[in-house]
């Protein structure tokens, strides 16, 4: 296949989904830049623990919501959604049956995999499930690991790149940047901590100098 043969509506949907996925990768990169190491977390906790704890919770909730939105059905509450199932609707089964089946399988697998995010959305984020909040639900909301989240990203990239390769487009690595705004925040906090330590050392030295001065006869 060739990109010039990609139907206009499919290209429009693909471009919009690509932007959502790229933006989601950027946000996750910043999360990892800030919270990805025990050393960074310790620094953030020394600097402004409540601020960065709330920030981490908010970033993670946004990632869960993004996973849910991308794996939502094409229509809900009588309105159309931008989601991965749109690919299935727009790939012509008469001309590209194998691609359509492959994409269908990838979408279904991704939807199944992202149930962890949907559970958090339905019971903790978009709604406050009463039995969950009171600790009475027979199945408590599961803790989500970094590996599970990155597994979702792997599957999203695979789906996007399957479409791109099929239509002769260059596949996208997306990836997670090691440098960026989160790294800059961490470095500024380190610099501030070092400056504060130097100031405290100077103050101690000045006090010790005063205490050790011998009085004149």
N, C-alpha and C. Protein backbone atom coordinates (compact mmCIF):
# COMPACT_ATOMS: atom_id res chain seq x y z
N UNK A 1 0.84 -1.20 0.00
CA UNK A 1 0.00 0.00 0.00
C UNK A 1 0.87 1.25 0.00
N UNK A 2 0.27 2.35 -0.29
CA UNK A 2 1.02 3.60 -0.38
C UNK A 2 0.24 4.69 0.35
N UNK A 3 0.97 5.65 0.95
CA UNK A 3 0.30 6.70 1.71
C UNK A 3 -0.68 7.48 0.87
N UNK A 4 -0.39 7.57 -0.45
CA UNK A 4 -1.29 8.33 -1.32
C UNK A 4 -2.63 7.62 -1.46
N UNK A 5 -2.67 6.33 -1.14
CA UNK A 5 -3.91 5.56 -1.23
C UNK A 5 -4.70 5.57 0.07
N UNK A 6 -4.15 6.16 1.12
CA UNK A 6 -4.88 6.23 2.38
C UNK A 6 -6.10 7.13 2.20
N UNK A 7 -7.27 6.63 2.46
CA UNK A 7 -8.48 7.46 2.30
C UNK A 7 -8.39 8.72 3.13
N UNK A 8 -8.97 9.78 2.62
CA UNK A 8 -8.88 11.08 3.29
C UNK A 8 -9.38 11.02 4.73
N UNK A 9 -10.52 10.37 4.94
CA UNK A 9 -11.09 10.33 6.29
C UNK A 9 -10.20 9.52 7.22
N UNK A 10 -9.63 8.43 6.71
CA UNK A 10 -8.72 7.63 7.52
C UNK A 10 -7.48 8.43 7.89
N UNK A 11 -6.93 9.17 6.93
CA UNK A 11 -5.76 10.00 7.21
C UNK A 11 -6.07 11.07 8.24
N UNK A 12 -7.25 11.66 8.14
CA UNK A 12 -7.65 12.68 9.11
C UNK A 12 -7.71 12.09 10.52
N UNK A 13 -8.30 10.91 10.65
CA UNK A 13 -8.39 10.25 11.95
C UNK A 13 -7.01 9.85 12.44
N UNK A 14 -6.20 9.29 11.53
CA UNK A 14 -4.86 8.86 11.91
C UNK A 14 -4.02 10.04 12.40
N UNK A 15 -4.06 11.15 11.70
CA UNK A 15 -3.28 12.31 12.11
C UNK A 15 -3.70 12.81 13.49
N UNK A 16 -5.00 12.80 13.74
CA UNK A 16 -5.50 13.26 15.05
C UNK A 16 -5.09 12.29 16.16
N UNK A 17 -5.20 10.99 15.90
CA UNK A 17 -4.78 10.00 16.89
C UNK A 17 -3.27 10.08 17.13
N UNK A 18 -2.52 10.30 16.06
CA UNK A 18 -1.07 10.42 16.20
C UNK A 18 -0.71 11.57 17.14
N UNK A 19 -1.40 12.70 16.98
CA UNK A 19 -1.14 13.84 17.85
C UNK A 19 -1.45 13.51 19.31
N UNK A 20 -2.56 12.82 19.54
CA UNK A 20 -2.91 12.43 20.91
C UNK A 20 -1.85 11.52 21.51
N UNK A 21 -1.38 10.57 20.71
CA UNK A 21 -0.39 9.62 21.20
C UNK A 21 0.95 10.31 21.45
N UNK A 22 1.35 11.21 20.58
CA UNK A 22 2.60 11.94 20.77
C UNK A 22 2.54 12.79 22.04
N UNK A 23 1.42 13.45 22.25
CA UNK A 23 1.24 14.28 23.44
C UNK A 23 1.27 13.43 24.71
N UNK A 24 0.65 12.25 24.64
CA UNK A 24 0.64 11.34 25.78
C UNK A 24 2.06 10.86 26.10
N UNK A 25 2.85 10.55 25.07
CA UNK A 25 4.23 10.15 25.29
C UNK A 25 5.04 11.28 25.94
N UNK A 26 4.80 12.50 25.52
CA UNK A 26 5.51 13.63 26.10
C UNK A 26 5.21 13.75 27.59
N UNK A 27 3.93 13.61 27.94
CA UNK A 27 3.55 13.72 29.35
C UNK A 27 4.18 12.61 30.18
N UNK A 28 4.19 11.39 29.64
CA UNK A 28 4.79 10.29 30.38
C UNK A 28 6.30 10.48 30.51
N UNK A 29 6.93 11.08 29.50
CA UNK A 29 8.36 11.38 29.60
C UNK A 29 8.63 12.30 30.78
N UNK A 30 7.79 13.31 30.94
CA UNK A 30 7.99 14.25 32.04
C UNK A 30 7.77 13.56 33.39
N UNK A 31 6.78 12.67 33.46
CA UNK A 31 6.57 11.90 34.69
C UNK A 31 7.83 11.12 35.05
N UNK A 32 8.42 10.46 34.07
CA UNK A 32 9.61 9.66 34.33
C UNK A 32 10.82 10.54 34.66
N UNK A 33 10.91 11.70 34.03
CA UNK A 33 12.01 12.62 34.34
C UNK A 33 11.93 13.09 35.79
N UNK A 34 10.70 13.29 36.27
CA UNK A 34 10.52 13.76 37.65
C UNK A 34 10.59 12.63 38.67
N UNK A 35 9.87 11.54 38.41
CA UNK A 35 9.65 10.52 39.43
C UNK A 35 10.30 9.17 39.10
N UNK A 36 11.13 9.14 38.07
CA UNK A 36 11.61 7.86 37.56
C UNK A 36 12.70 7.20 38.38
N UNK A 37 13.33 7.92 39.32
CA UNK A 37 14.38 7.33 40.14
C UNK A 37 14.12 7.64 41.61
N UNK A 38 14.62 6.75 42.48
CA UNK A 38 14.47 6.96 43.92
C UNK A 38 15.20 8.23 44.35
N UNK A 39 16.32 8.54 43.71
CA UNK A 39 17.06 9.75 44.02
C UNK A 39 16.24 11.00 43.74
N UNK A 40 15.56 11.02 42.58
CA UNK A 40 14.72 12.17 42.25
C UNK A 40 13.56 12.30 43.21
N UNK A 41 12.91 11.18 43.53
CA UNK A 41 11.77 11.22 44.44
C UNK A 41 12.19 11.76 45.80
N UNK A 42 13.36 11.34 46.28
CA UNK A 42 13.85 11.84 47.57
C UNK A 42 14.07 13.35 47.51
N UNK A 43 14.61 13.83 46.39
CA UNK A 43 14.83 15.27 46.22
C UNK A 43 13.50 16.01 46.22
N UNK A 44 12.52 15.50 45.48
CA UNK A 44 11.21 16.16 45.43
C UNK A 44 10.56 16.17 46.81
N UNK A 45 10.72 15.09 47.56
CA UNK A 45 10.13 15.03 48.90
C UNK A 45 10.81 16.00 49.86
N UNK A 46 12.10 16.24 49.67
CA UNK A 46 12.79 17.22 50.51
C UNK A 46 12.38 18.64 50.15
N UNK A 47 12.01 18.85 48.88
CA UNK A 47 11.75 20.20 48.38
C UNK A 47 10.33 20.66 48.66
N UNK A 48 9.34 19.90 48.21
CA UNK A 48 7.93 20.27 48.37
C UNK A 48 7.10 18.99 48.30
N UNK A 49 7.09 18.20 49.36
CA UNK A 49 6.52 16.84 49.29
C UNK A 49 5.06 16.79 48.89
N UNK A 50 4.24 17.64 49.45
CA UNK A 50 2.81 17.58 49.10
C UNK A 50 2.56 18.03 47.67
N UNK A 51 3.26 19.07 47.26
CA UNK A 51 3.09 19.56 45.89
C UNK A 51 3.43 18.48 44.88
N UNK A 52 4.58 17.84 45.06
CA UNK A 52 4.99 16.84 44.08
C UNK A 52 4.21 15.54 44.21
N UNK A 53 3.70 15.23 45.40
CA UNK A 53 2.85 14.04 45.55
C UNK A 53 1.53 14.23 44.80
N UNK A 54 0.94 15.41 44.95
CA UNK A 54 -0.30 15.71 44.23
C UNK A 54 -0.03 15.75 42.73
N UNK A 55 1.12 16.31 42.35
CA UNK A 55 1.48 16.35 40.93
C UNK A 55 1.60 14.96 40.35
N UNK A 56 2.25 14.06 41.07
CA UNK A 56 2.39 12.68 40.58
C UNK A 56 1.03 12.01 40.41
N UNK A 57 0.17 12.18 41.39
CA UNK A 57 -1.17 11.59 41.31
C UNK A 57 -1.94 12.14 40.12
N UNK A 58 -1.83 13.44 39.90
CA UNK A 58 -2.56 14.08 38.80
C UNK A 58 -2.03 13.62 37.44
N UNK A 59 -0.71 13.55 37.29
CA UNK A 59 -0.11 13.07 36.04
C UNK A 59 -0.58 11.65 35.74
N UNK A 60 -0.54 10.77 36.75
CA UNK A 60 -0.93 9.38 36.53
C UNK A 60 -2.40 9.27 36.16
N UNK A 61 -3.22 10.03 36.82
CA UNK A 61 -4.65 10.00 36.49
C UNK A 61 -4.88 10.44 35.05
N UNK A 62 -4.11 11.42 34.59
CA UNK A 62 -4.24 11.88 33.22
C UNK A 62 -3.84 10.78 32.23
N UNK A 63 -2.80 10.02 32.58
CA UNK A 63 -2.40 8.91 31.72
C UNK A 63 -3.50 7.86 31.66
N UNK A 64 -4.08 7.52 32.81
CA UNK A 64 -5.18 6.54 32.82
C UNK A 64 -6.34 7.02 31.95
N UNK A 65 -6.68 8.29 32.10
CA UNK A 65 -7.79 8.84 31.33
C UNK A 65 -7.49 8.81 29.83
N UNK A 66 -6.25 9.09 29.46
CA UNK A 66 -5.87 9.05 28.05
C UNK A 66 -5.98 7.63 27.49
N UNK A 67 -5.52 6.64 28.25
CA UNK A 67 -5.67 5.26 27.82
C UNK A 67 -7.15 4.93 27.60
N UNK A 68 -8.00 5.39 28.51
CA UNK A 68 -9.43 5.11 28.41
C UNK A 68 -10.05 5.79 27.19
N UNK A 69 -9.71 7.05 26.98
CA UNK A 69 -10.29 7.78 25.85
C UNK A 69 -9.91 7.13 24.53
N UNK A 70 -8.63 6.74 24.41
CA UNK A 70 -8.17 6.14 23.16
C UNK A 70 -8.79 4.77 22.91
N UNK A 71 -9.20 4.08 23.96
CA UNK A 71 -9.80 2.75 23.81
C UNK A 71 -11.30 2.75 24.03
N UNK A 72 -11.90 3.93 24.09
CA UNK A 72 -13.36 4.05 24.19
C UNK A 72 -14.01 3.54 22.90
N UNK A 73 -15.31 3.26 22.94
CA UNK A 73 -16.03 2.92 21.70
C UNK A 73 -16.17 4.15 20.81
N UNK A 74 -16.45 3.95 19.53
CA UNK A 74 -16.57 5.09 18.61
C UNK A 74 -17.69 6.06 18.97
N UNK A 75 -18.68 5.57 19.69
CA UNK A 75 -19.79 6.43 20.08
C UNK A 75 -20.20 6.13 21.51
N UNK A 76 -20.47 7.18 22.25
CA UNK A 76 -20.98 7.02 23.62
C UNK A 76 -21.87 8.20 23.95
N UNK A 77 -22.94 7.93 24.66
CA UNK A 77 -23.91 8.97 25.03
C UNK A 77 -24.39 9.74 23.81
N UNK A 78 -24.50 9.05 22.68
CA UNK A 78 -25.03 9.67 21.47
C UNK A 78 -24.04 10.57 20.75
N UNK A 79 -22.76 10.55 21.16
CA UNK A 79 -21.77 11.42 20.52
C UNK A 79 -20.60 10.59 20.00
N UNK A 80 -19.97 11.11 18.92
CA UNK A 80 -18.85 10.41 18.32
C UNK A 80 -17.56 10.69 19.10
N UNK A 81 -16.71 9.66 19.17
CA UNK A 81 -15.43 9.78 19.87
C UNK A 81 -14.26 9.57 18.90
N UNK A 82 -13.16 10.26 19.15
CA UNK A 82 -11.91 9.96 18.49
C UNK A 82 -11.25 8.83 19.28
N UNK A 83 -11.10 7.68 18.66
CA UNK A 83 -10.57 6.52 19.37
C UNK A 83 -10.00 5.53 18.34
N UNK A 84 -9.31 4.51 18.84
CA UNK A 84 -8.66 3.57 17.95
C UNK A 84 -9.64 2.70 17.15
N UNK A 85 -10.83 2.52 17.66
CA UNK A 85 -11.82 1.73 16.90
C UNK A 85 -12.20 2.40 15.59
N UNK A 86 -11.92 3.68 15.47
CA UNK A 86 -12.18 4.38 14.21
C UNK A 86 -11.36 3.77 13.07
N UNK A 87 -10.18 3.29 13.38
CA UNK A 87 -9.38 2.62 12.36
C UNK A 87 -10.16 1.46 11.74
N UNK A 88 -10.76 0.66 12.60
CA UNK A 88 -11.49 -0.53 12.13
C UNK A 88 -12.62 -0.12 11.21
N UNK A 89 -13.33 0.93 11.59
CA UNK A 89 -14.46 1.39 10.78
C UNK A 89 -14.03 1.90 9.41
N UNK A 90 -12.82 2.46 9.34
CA UNK A 90 -12.42 3.17 8.12
C UNK A 90 -11.53 2.36 7.18
N UNK A 91 -11.09 1.18 7.61
CA UNK A 91 -10.31 0.32 6.72
C UNK A 91 -11.28 -0.54 5.92
N UNK A 92 -11.24 -0.43 4.62
CA UNK A 92 -12.19 -1.13 3.74
C UNK A 92 -11.94 -2.64 3.80
N UNK A 93 -12.93 -3.42 4.29
CA UNK A 93 -12.73 -4.87 4.38
C UNK A 93 -12.69 -5.55 3.02
N UNK A 94 -13.20 -4.88 1.98
CA UNK A 94 -13.20 -5.48 0.65
C UNK A 94 -11.82 -5.40 0.01
N UNK A 95 -11.12 -4.28 0.22
CA UNK A 95 -9.81 -4.10 -0.41
C UNK A 95 -8.65 -4.47 0.50
N UNK A 96 -8.83 -4.35 1.80
CA UNK A 96 -7.74 -4.64 2.75
C UNK A 96 -8.24 -5.52 3.89
N UNK A 97 -8.74 -6.71 3.60
CA UNK A 97 -9.32 -7.55 4.65
C UNK A 97 -8.30 -7.98 5.70
N UNK A 98 -7.08 -8.30 5.28
CA UNK A 98 -6.07 -8.76 6.24
C UNK A 98 -5.67 -7.64 7.21
N UNK A 99 -5.47 -6.45 6.66
CA UNK A 99 -5.12 -5.32 7.51
C UNK A 99 -6.25 -5.02 8.49
N UNK A 100 -7.46 -5.05 7.99
CA UNK A 100 -8.60 -4.75 8.87
C UNK A 100 -8.68 -5.75 10.01
N UNK A 101 -8.45 -7.03 9.72
CA UNK A 101 -8.50 -8.04 10.77
C UNK A 101 -7.36 -7.87 11.75
N UNK A 102 -6.17 -7.56 11.24
CA UNK A 102 -5.02 -7.34 12.11
C UNK A 102 -5.26 -6.17 13.06
N UNK A 103 -5.76 -5.08 12.50
CA UNK A 103 -6.02 -3.89 13.32
C UNK A 103 -7.14 -4.16 14.32
N UNK A 104 -8.16 -4.90 13.91
CA UNK A 104 -9.23 -5.28 14.83
C UNK A 104 -8.67 -6.03 16.02
N UNK A 105 -7.80 -7.00 15.75
CA UNK A 105 -7.21 -7.79 16.82
C UNK A 105 -6.36 -6.93 17.75
N UNK A 106 -5.59 -6.01 17.18
CA UNK A 106 -4.75 -5.14 17.99
C UNK A 106 -5.58 -4.22 18.88
N UNK A 107 -6.67 -3.70 18.32
CA UNK A 107 -7.54 -2.80 19.09
C UNK A 107 -8.20 -3.55 20.23
N UNK A 108 -8.73 -4.73 19.95
CA UNK A 108 -9.39 -5.52 21.00
C UNK A 108 -8.40 -5.88 22.10
N UNK A 109 -7.21 -6.28 21.70
CA UNK A 109 -6.19 -6.63 22.68
C UNK A 109 -5.83 -5.42 23.55
N UNK A 110 -5.70 -4.25 22.92
CA UNK A 110 -5.37 -3.04 23.67
C UNK A 110 -6.50 -2.68 24.63
N UNK A 111 -7.73 -2.78 24.18
CA UNK A 111 -8.88 -2.49 25.05
C UNK A 111 -8.89 -3.41 26.26
N UNK A 112 -8.61 -4.68 26.03
CA UNK A 112 -8.56 -5.64 27.13
C UNK A 112 -7.42 -5.31 28.08
N UNK A 113 -6.27 -4.99 27.52
CA UNK A 113 -5.10 -4.70 28.35
C UNK A 113 -5.34 -3.47 29.23
N UNK A 114 -6.03 -2.48 28.70
CA UNK A 114 -6.21 -1.20 29.41
C UNK A 114 -7.36 -1.21 30.40
N UNK A 115 -7.86 -2.39 30.74
CA UNK A 115 -8.92 -2.45 31.73
C UNK A 115 -8.48 -1.89 33.08
N UNK A 116 -7.20 -2.00 33.39
CA UNK A 116 -6.71 -1.47 34.66
C UNK A 116 -6.94 0.04 34.74
N UNK A 117 -6.73 0.73 33.61
CA UNK A 117 -6.95 2.18 33.58
C UNK A 117 -8.43 2.50 33.68
N UNK A 118 -9.24 1.72 33.01
CA UNK A 118 -10.69 1.95 33.04
C UNK A 118 -11.26 1.72 34.44
N UNK A 119 -10.72 0.72 35.14
CA UNK A 119 -11.17 0.46 36.50
C UNK A 119 -10.88 1.66 37.40
N UNK A 120 -9.69 2.22 37.26
CA UNK A 120 -9.34 3.42 38.05
C UNK A 120 -10.22 4.60 37.65
N UNK A 121 -10.46 4.74 36.35
CA UNK A 121 -11.31 5.85 35.90
C UNK A 121 -12.72 5.72 36.47
N UNK A 122 -13.30 4.54 36.37
CA UNK A 122 -14.70 4.35 36.75
C UNK A 122 -14.93 4.39 38.25
N UNK A 123 -13.92 3.99 39.02
CA UNK A 123 -14.12 3.85 40.46
C UNK A 123 -13.41 4.90 41.30
N UNK A 124 -12.43 5.61 40.71
CA UNK A 124 -11.67 6.56 41.51
C UNK A 124 -11.59 7.97 40.92
N UNK A 125 -11.57 8.07 39.58
CA UNK A 125 -11.27 9.36 38.95
C UNK A 125 -12.53 10.06 38.46
N UNK A 126 -13.22 9.44 37.52
CA UNK A 126 -14.44 10.05 36.99
C UNK A 126 -15.60 9.93 37.97
N UNK A 127 -15.56 8.89 38.78
CA UNK A 127 -16.62 8.66 39.77
C UNK A 127 -15.98 8.23 41.08
N UNK A 128 -16.70 8.40 42.18
CA UNK A 128 -16.25 7.91 43.47
C UNK A 128 -17.16 6.74 43.85
N UNK A 129 -16.74 5.56 43.45
CA UNK A 129 -17.53 4.37 43.77
C UNK A 129 -17.60 4.21 45.29
N UNK A 130 -18.83 4.15 45.81
CA UNK A 130 -19.03 4.17 47.26
C UNK A 130 -18.36 2.99 47.95
N UNK A 131 -18.60 1.79 47.44
CA UNK A 131 -18.04 0.61 48.11
C UNK A 131 -16.51 0.61 48.05
N UNK A 132 -15.97 1.17 46.96
CA UNK A 132 -14.51 1.28 46.87
C UNK A 132 -13.98 2.27 47.90
N UNK A 133 -14.61 3.44 48.00
CA UNK A 133 -14.15 4.46 48.93
C UNK A 133 -14.29 4.01 50.38
N UNK A 134 -15.31 3.21 50.67
CA UNK A 134 -15.52 2.74 52.04
C UNK A 134 -14.77 1.45 52.34
N UNK A 135 -14.04 0.96 51.35
CA UNK A 135 -13.26 -0.25 51.56
C UNK A 135 -14.09 -1.51 51.62
N UNK A 136 -15.26 -1.51 50.99
CA UNK A 136 -16.15 -2.67 51.04
C UNK A 136 -16.24 -3.43 49.73
N UNK A 137 -15.59 -2.92 48.70
CA UNK A 137 -15.69 -3.59 47.40
C UNK A 137 -14.96 -4.93 47.46
N UNK A 138 -15.59 -5.98 46.91
CA UNK A 138 -14.94 -7.30 46.97
C UNK A 138 -13.64 -7.38 46.18
N UNK A 139 -13.46 -6.46 45.22
CA UNK A 139 -12.21 -6.42 44.44
C UNK A 139 -11.63 -5.00 44.54
N UNK A 140 -10.72 -4.79 45.47
CA UNK A 140 -10.11 -3.46 45.60
C UNK A 140 -9.42 -3.04 44.29
N UNK A 141 -9.34 -1.73 44.08
CA UNK A 141 -8.66 -1.23 42.88
C UNK A 141 -7.19 -1.63 42.96
N UNK A 142 -6.71 -2.27 41.91
CA UNK A 142 -5.34 -2.79 41.92
C UNK A 142 -4.32 -1.68 41.76
N UNK A 143 -3.19 -1.82 42.43
CA UNK A 143 -2.08 -0.91 42.22
C UNK A 143 -1.50 -1.14 40.82
N UNK A 144 -1.19 -0.06 40.13
CA UNK A 144 -0.67 -0.16 38.76
C UNK A 144 0.84 0.04 38.79
N UNK A 145 1.55 -0.83 38.11
CA UNK A 145 3.01 -0.73 38.07
C UNK A 145 3.46 0.07 36.86
N UNK A 146 4.70 0.54 36.94
CA UNK A 146 5.31 1.22 35.80
C UNK A 146 5.34 0.30 34.58
N UNK A 147 5.63 -0.98 34.81
CA UNK A 147 5.70 -1.94 33.71
C UNK A 147 4.35 -2.08 33.01
N UNK A 148 3.25 -2.06 33.77
CA UNK A 148 1.92 -2.16 33.16
C UNK A 148 1.63 -0.94 32.29
N UNK A 149 1.97 0.24 32.80
CA UNK A 149 1.74 1.46 32.03
C UNK A 149 2.56 1.44 30.74
N UNK A 150 3.81 1.07 30.84
CA UNK A 150 4.66 1.05 29.65
C UNK A 150 4.23 -0.06 28.69
N UNK A 151 3.61 -1.13 29.23
CA UNK A 151 3.03 -2.14 28.36
C UNK A 151 1.91 -1.57 27.51
N UNK A 152 1.13 -0.66 28.09
CA UNK A 152 0.09 0.02 27.31
C UNK A 152 0.69 0.87 26.21
N UNK A 153 1.76 1.59 26.53
CA UNK A 153 2.43 2.40 25.51
C UNK A 153 2.99 1.51 24.39
N UNK A 154 3.55 0.38 24.74
CA UNK A 154 4.08 -0.54 23.72
C UNK A 154 2.99 -0.93 22.73
N UNK A 155 1.84 -1.26 23.25
CA UNK A 155 0.73 -1.72 22.40
C UNK A 155 0.16 -0.59 21.56
N UNK A 156 0.13 0.61 22.12
CA UNK A 156 -0.34 1.77 21.35
C UNK A 156 0.61 2.05 20.19
N UNK A 157 1.91 2.01 20.46
CA UNK A 157 2.88 2.25 19.39
C UNK A 157 2.77 1.18 18.30
N UNK A 158 2.58 -0.06 18.71
CA UNK A 158 2.44 -1.14 17.75
C UNK A 158 1.24 -0.92 16.82
N UNK A 159 0.13 -0.48 17.40
CA UNK A 159 -1.07 -0.23 16.60
C UNK A 159 -0.84 0.92 15.62
N UNK A 160 -0.33 2.04 16.12
CA UNK A 160 -0.08 3.20 15.26
C UNK A 160 0.88 2.83 14.13
N UNK A 161 1.94 2.12 14.46
CA UNK A 161 2.94 1.79 13.45
C UNK A 161 2.44 0.75 12.46
N UNK A 162 1.52 -0.09 12.87
CA UNK A 162 0.91 -1.05 11.94
C UNK A 162 0.17 -0.30 10.83
N UNK A 163 -0.54 0.74 11.20
CA UNK A 163 -1.25 1.56 10.21
C UNK A 163 -0.24 2.27 9.32
N UNK A 164 0.77 2.88 9.93
CA UNK A 164 1.73 3.67 9.15
C UNK A 164 2.49 2.80 8.14
N UNK A 165 2.97 1.65 8.59
CA UNK A 165 3.72 0.77 7.69
C UNK A 165 2.82 0.24 6.57
N UNK A 166 1.57 -0.10 6.90
CA UNK A 166 0.66 -0.64 5.89
C UNK A 166 0.40 0.34 4.76
N UNK A 167 0.41 1.63 5.06
CA UNK A 167 0.14 2.63 4.05
C UNK A 167 1.40 3.33 3.56
N UNK A 168 2.55 2.71 3.79
CA UNK A 168 3.79 3.24 3.25
C UNK A 168 4.33 4.46 3.95
N UNK A 169 3.85 4.73 5.16
CA UNK A 169 4.36 5.87 5.92
C UNK A 169 5.55 5.44 6.77
N UNK A 170 6.35 6.39 7.19
CA UNK A 170 7.43 6.09 8.11
C UNK A 170 6.86 5.80 9.49
N UNK A 171 7.29 4.71 10.09
CA UNK A 171 6.83 4.39 11.44
C UNK A 171 7.41 5.40 12.43
N UNK A 172 6.73 5.58 13.55
CA UNK A 172 7.12 6.56 14.56
C UNK A 172 7.66 5.85 15.79
N UNK A 173 8.83 6.28 16.24
CA UNK A 173 9.40 5.68 17.45
C UNK A 173 8.71 6.20 18.71
N UNK A 174 8.25 7.47 18.64
CA UNK A 174 7.71 8.17 19.82
C UNK A 174 8.78 8.19 20.91
N UNK A 175 8.90 7.15 21.71
CA UNK A 175 9.96 7.07 22.71
C UNK A 175 9.72 8.01 23.88
N UNK A 176 10.59 7.87 24.88
CA UNK A 176 10.52 8.68 26.09
C UNK A 176 11.82 9.44 26.23
N UNK A 177 11.74 10.76 26.24
CA UNK A 177 12.94 11.58 26.33
C UNK A 177 13.52 11.53 27.74
N UNK A 178 14.83 11.42 27.83
CA UNK A 178 15.50 11.45 29.13
C UNK A 178 15.75 12.89 29.61
N UNK A 179 15.72 13.81 28.68
CA UNK A 179 15.93 15.22 29.02
C UNK A 179 14.67 16.01 28.67
N UNK A 180 14.43 17.09 29.40
CA UNK A 180 13.26 17.91 29.11
C UNK A 180 12.86 18.73 30.32
N UNK A 181 11.62 19.16 30.34
CA UNK A 181 11.16 20.05 31.40
C UNK A 181 11.29 19.43 32.78
N UNK A 182 10.97 18.13 32.90
CA UNK A 182 11.09 17.47 34.19
C UNK A 182 12.52 17.45 34.67
N UNK A 183 13.47 17.17 33.77
CA UNK A 183 14.88 17.17 34.10
C UNK A 183 15.33 18.55 34.54
N UNK A 184 14.82 19.57 33.88
CA UNK A 184 15.17 20.95 34.25
C UNK A 184 14.69 21.28 35.66
N UNK A 185 13.48 20.84 36.00
CA UNK A 185 12.95 21.08 37.35
C UNK A 185 13.84 20.41 38.39
N UNK A 186 14.20 19.16 38.13
CA UNK A 186 15.06 18.42 39.07
C UNK A 186 16.41 19.12 39.23
N UNK A 187 17.00 19.58 38.13
CA UNK A 187 18.30 20.24 38.22
C UNK A 187 18.19 21.55 38.99
N UNK A 188 17.13 22.31 38.78
CA UNK A 188 16.94 23.55 39.53
C UNK A 188 16.81 23.29 41.03
N UNK A 189 16.11 22.22 41.39
CA UNK A 189 15.98 21.86 42.80
C UNK A 189 17.33 21.44 43.38
N UNK A 190 18.11 20.70 42.60
CA UNK A 190 19.44 20.31 43.07
C UNK A 190 20.32 21.54 43.28
N UNK A 191 20.26 22.48 42.33
CA UNK A 191 21.05 23.70 42.45
C UNK A 191 20.63 24.49 43.68
N UNK A 192 19.33 24.58 43.91
CA UNK A 192 18.82 25.32 45.07
C UNK A 192 19.27 24.66 46.37
N UNK A 193 19.23 23.33 46.39
CA UNK A 193 19.65 22.60 47.58
C UNK A 193 21.15 22.81 47.83
N UNK A 194 21.95 22.77 46.77
CA UNK A 194 23.39 22.99 46.90
C UNK A 194 23.68 24.41 47.38
N UNK A 195 22.95 25.39 46.84
CA UNK A 195 23.14 26.78 47.26
C UNK A 195 22.79 26.95 48.74
N UNK A 196 21.68 26.33 49.15
CA UNK A 196 21.27 26.43 50.55
C UNK A 196 22.31 25.79 51.47
N UNK A 197 22.85 24.64 51.06
CA UNK A 197 23.87 23.98 51.87
C UNK A 197 25.11 24.85 51.98
N UNK A 198 25.50 25.51 50.87
CA UNK A 198 26.67 26.38 50.89
C UNK A 198 26.44 27.58 51.80
N UNK A 199 25.24 28.14 51.76
CA UNK A 199 24.92 29.28 52.63
C UNK A 199 24.98 28.88 54.09
N UNK A 200 24.44 27.73 54.41
CA UNK A 200 24.45 27.25 55.79
C UNK A 200 25.88 26.99 56.26
N UNK A 201 26.73 26.48 55.36
CA UNK A 201 28.13 26.24 55.71
C UNK A 201 28.85 27.55 55.98
N UNK A 202 28.56 28.58 55.17
CA UNK A 202 29.17 29.89 55.38
C UNK A 202 28.74 30.49 56.72
N UNK A 203 27.46 30.33 57.04
CA UNK A 203 26.96 30.86 58.31
C UNK A 203 27.60 30.15 59.49
N UNK A 204 27.78 28.83 59.39
CA UNK A 204 28.42 28.08 60.47
C UNK A 204 29.88 28.51 60.64
N UNK A 205 30.54 28.69 59.50
CA UNK A 205 31.95 29.11 59.56
C UNK A 205 32.08 30.48 60.21
N UNK A 206 31.15 31.38 59.87
CA UNK A 206 31.20 32.73 60.46
C UNK A 206 30.98 32.67 61.96
N UNK A 207 30.03 31.84 62.42
CA UNK A 207 29.77 31.71 63.86
C UNK A 207 30.96 31.10 64.58
N UNK A 208 31.57 30.08 63.96
CA UNK A 208 32.73 29.44 64.58
C UNK A 208 33.89 30.42 64.69
N UNK A 209 34.00 31.29 63.68
CA UNK A 209 35.07 32.28 63.71
C UNK A 209 34.90 33.24 64.87
N UNK A 210 33.64 33.64 65.13
CA UNK A 210 33.35 34.55 66.23
C UNK A 210 33.64 33.87 67.56
N UNK A 211 33.26 32.62 67.72
CA UNK A 211 33.41 31.90 68.98
C UNK A 211 34.88 31.62 69.30
N UNK A 212 35.70 31.45 68.28
CA UNK A 212 37.10 31.10 68.52
C UNK A 212 38.00 32.32 68.67
N UNK A 213 37.47 33.51 68.46
CA UNK A 213 38.27 34.72 68.63
C UNK A 213 38.64 34.92 70.10
N UNK A 214 39.89 35.10 70.38
CA UNK A 214 40.32 35.30 71.78
C UNK A 214 40.10 36.77 72.15
N UNK A 215 39.57 37.02 73.34
CA UNK A 215 39.40 38.41 73.75
C UNK A 215 40.76 39.07 73.99
N UNK A 216 40.85 40.32 73.63
CA UNK A 216 42.11 41.07 73.80
C UNK A 216 42.27 41.49 75.25
N UNK A 217 43.56 41.51 75.74
CA UNK A 217 43.85 41.96 77.13
C UNK A 217 43.67 43.48 77.24
